Protein backbone atom coordinates (compact mmCIF):
# COMPACT_ATOMS: atom_id res chain seq x y z
CA MET A 1 0.10 16.30 -14.66
CA ALA A 2 -0.95 14.48 -17.82
CA ARG A 3 -1.00 10.71 -17.75
CA THR A 4 1.26 9.01 -20.29
CA VAL A 5 -0.51 6.43 -22.45
CA ARG A 6 0.42 4.41 -25.47
CA ARG A 7 -0.66 5.95 -28.75
CA GLU A 8 -2.36 2.64 -29.50
CA ALA A 9 -4.86 3.46 -26.72
CA ALA A 10 -6.54 6.05 -28.96
CA PRO A 11 -9.07 3.62 -30.55
CA ALA A 12 -10.30 2.55 -27.10
CA PHE A 13 -10.93 6.18 -26.14
CA LEU A 14 -12.69 6.68 -29.46
CA ARG A 15 -14.97 3.69 -28.81
CA GLN A 16 -15.87 5.14 -25.42
CA ALA A 17 -16.65 8.48 -27.07
CA GLU A 18 -18.97 6.72 -29.52
CA GLU A 19 -20.68 4.82 -26.70
CA PHE A 20 -21.34 7.97 -24.68
CA LEU A 21 -22.58 9.79 -27.77
CA GLU A 22 -25.06 6.99 -28.47
CA SER A 23 -26.18 7.10 -24.84
CA ALA A 24 -26.61 10.87 -25.10
CA ARG A 25 -28.80 10.43 -28.16
CA ARG A 26 -31.00 7.84 -26.43
CA ASN A 27 -31.32 10.03 -23.36
CA PHE A 28 -32.25 12.99 -25.53
CA GLU A 29 -34.94 10.98 -27.30
CA GLU A 30 -36.34 10.02 -23.88
CA ARG A 31 -36.28 13.69 -22.82
CA ARG A 32 -33.66 13.09 -20.14
CA TYR A 33 -31.83 16.30 -20.95
CA ASN A 34 -29.43 16.35 -18.00
CA ALA A 35 -28.29 12.81 -18.79
CA ALA A 36 -28.10 13.61 -22.50
CA GLY A 37 -25.95 16.66 -21.89
CA PHE A 38 -23.72 14.92 -19.37
CA ASP A 39 -23.14 11.96 -21.69
CA ALA A 40 -22.49 14.28 -24.64
CA VAL A 41 -19.82 16.11 -22.63
CA GLN A 42 -18.32 12.76 -21.62
CA SER A 43 -18.18 11.85 -25.31
CA LEU A 44 -16.23 15.05 -25.95
CA ILE A 45 -13.82 14.20 -23.13
CA ASN A 46 -13.20 10.70 -24.46
CA ALA A 47 -12.83 11.94 -28.04
CA ASN A 48 -10.30 14.52 -26.87
CA ASP A 49 -8.46 11.78 -24.97
CA ALA A 50 -8.33 9.75 -28.21
CA LEU A 51 -6.87 12.74 -30.00
CA THR A 52 -4.28 13.61 -27.37
CA ALA A 53 -3.34 9.94 -26.87
CA HIS A 54 -2.78 9.52 -30.61
CA VAL A 55 -0.84 12.73 -31.15
CA LEU A 56 0.93 13.28 -27.82
CA GLY A 57 0.86 9.91 -26.06
CA ALA A 58 -0.85 11.59 -23.10
CA VAL A 59 -4.32 12.21 -21.65
CA ALA A 60 -5.53 14.57 -18.95
CA SER A 61 -5.54 13.11 -15.47
CA LEU A 62 -6.43 16.00 -13.20
CA ASP A 63 -9.14 18.22 -14.59
CA HIS A 64 -10.61 19.86 -17.66
CA ARG A 65 -8.05 22.66 -17.67
CA GLU A 66 -5.41 20.03 -18.30
CA ALA A 67 -7.52 18.53 -21.11
CA LEU A 68 -7.74 21.97 -22.69
CA ARG A 69 -3.97 22.46 -22.41
CA LEU A 70 -3.32 19.12 -24.10
CA HIS A 71 -5.88 19.98 -26.77
CA ALA A 72 -4.07 23.28 -27.38
CA ASP A 73 -0.80 21.36 -27.82
CA VAL A 74 -2.44 19.13 -30.44
CA VAL A 75 -4.00 22.13 -32.18
CA ARG A 76 -0.55 23.71 -32.54
CA LEU A 77 0.74 20.53 -34.18
CA LEU A 78 -2.30 20.03 -36.43
CA GLY A 79 -2.82 23.69 -37.24
CA ASP A 80 -6.59 23.37 -36.84
CA PRO A 81 -8.06 25.28 -33.88
CA SER A 82 -11.65 24.96 -35.12
CA GLN A 83 -12.88 22.87 -32.17
CA ARG A 84 -11.01 24.52 -29.31
CA GLU A 85 -13.77 26.90 -28.24
CA VAL A 86 -16.42 24.17 -28.59
CA LEU A 87 -14.47 21.91 -26.26
CA GLN A 88 -13.98 24.65 -23.69
CA ARG A 89 -17.60 25.84 -23.78
CA ASP A 90 -19.02 22.34 -23.44
CA LEU A 91 -16.62 21.24 -20.72
CA ASP A 92 -17.82 24.26 -18.77
CA GLN A 93 -21.39 22.96 -19.19
CA ARG A 94 -20.67 19.61 -17.51
CA SER A 95 -21.49 20.96 -14.07
CA THR A 96 -24.79 22.34 -15.35
CA PHE A 97 -25.86 18.89 -16.49
CA GLY A 98 -24.49 16.79 -13.67
CA TYR A 99 -23.80 18.64 -10.47
CA LEU A 100 -25.98 21.71 -9.93
CA GLY A 101 -29.32 20.03 -9.32
CA THR A 102 -31.03 22.10 -12.00
CA ALA A 103 -33.03 20.90 -14.98
CA ALA A 104 -31.26 21.29 -18.29
CA SER A 105 -33.32 22.56 -21.17
CA ARG A 106 -33.94 20.74 -24.40
CA SER A 107 -31.99 23.40 -26.30
CA GLN A 108 -28.98 23.15 -23.96
CA ALA A 109 -28.82 19.39 -24.37
CA GLU A 110 -29.41 19.58 -28.10
CA ARG A 111 -26.56 22.05 -28.62
CA VAL A 112 -24.07 19.99 -26.64
CA LEU A 113 -25.19 16.81 -28.38
CA ARG A 114 -24.67 18.45 -31.78
CA ASP A 115 -21.26 19.76 -30.65
CA ALA A 116 -20.21 16.31 -29.44
CA ALA A 117 -21.16 14.67 -32.74
CA ARG A 118 -19.21 17.29 -34.71
CA PHE A 119 -16.24 17.08 -32.37
CA LEU A 120 -16.14 13.30 -32.69
CA GLU A 121 -16.18 13.56 -36.49
CA TRP A 122 -13.40 16.13 -36.34
CA VAL A 123 -11.32 13.79 -34.16
CA ARG A 124 -11.95 10.87 -36.54
CA ARG A 125 -10.66 12.97 -39.45
CA ALA A 126 -7.62 14.04 -37.42
CA LEU A 127 -6.81 10.42 -36.57
CA ALA A 128 -7.37 9.09 -40.09
CA PRO A 129 -4.20 8.20 -41.95
CA SER A 130 -3.44 10.65 -44.74
CA ALA A 131 -4.02 9.28 -48.19
């Protein structure tokens, strides 16, 4: 069940997304690809929480399936499904980076890092007041 939050919580989630993205970039530069990928996915999660908090007043509390359901609800309201598959694909990669005990490749980490940066920019545009 989604956790109800105040819409005003969105900027805090966005700041966390930015922090994890910066950490992912530093880890990537230091060739710590598992940490880079894991932090990039965490950035996506926090950015999605910012989006769903702002639009729905709710964030996922149980698992990534719930985050995807909330994202789908936002997509229906915004009419922009362009990031839905990216979010799903990269959430599925979280275990690869953090829980399987395998070494992530440079290309895996680089793709997720690029996705996270694009997703964060997409969320910023979605949250920006219309002119």
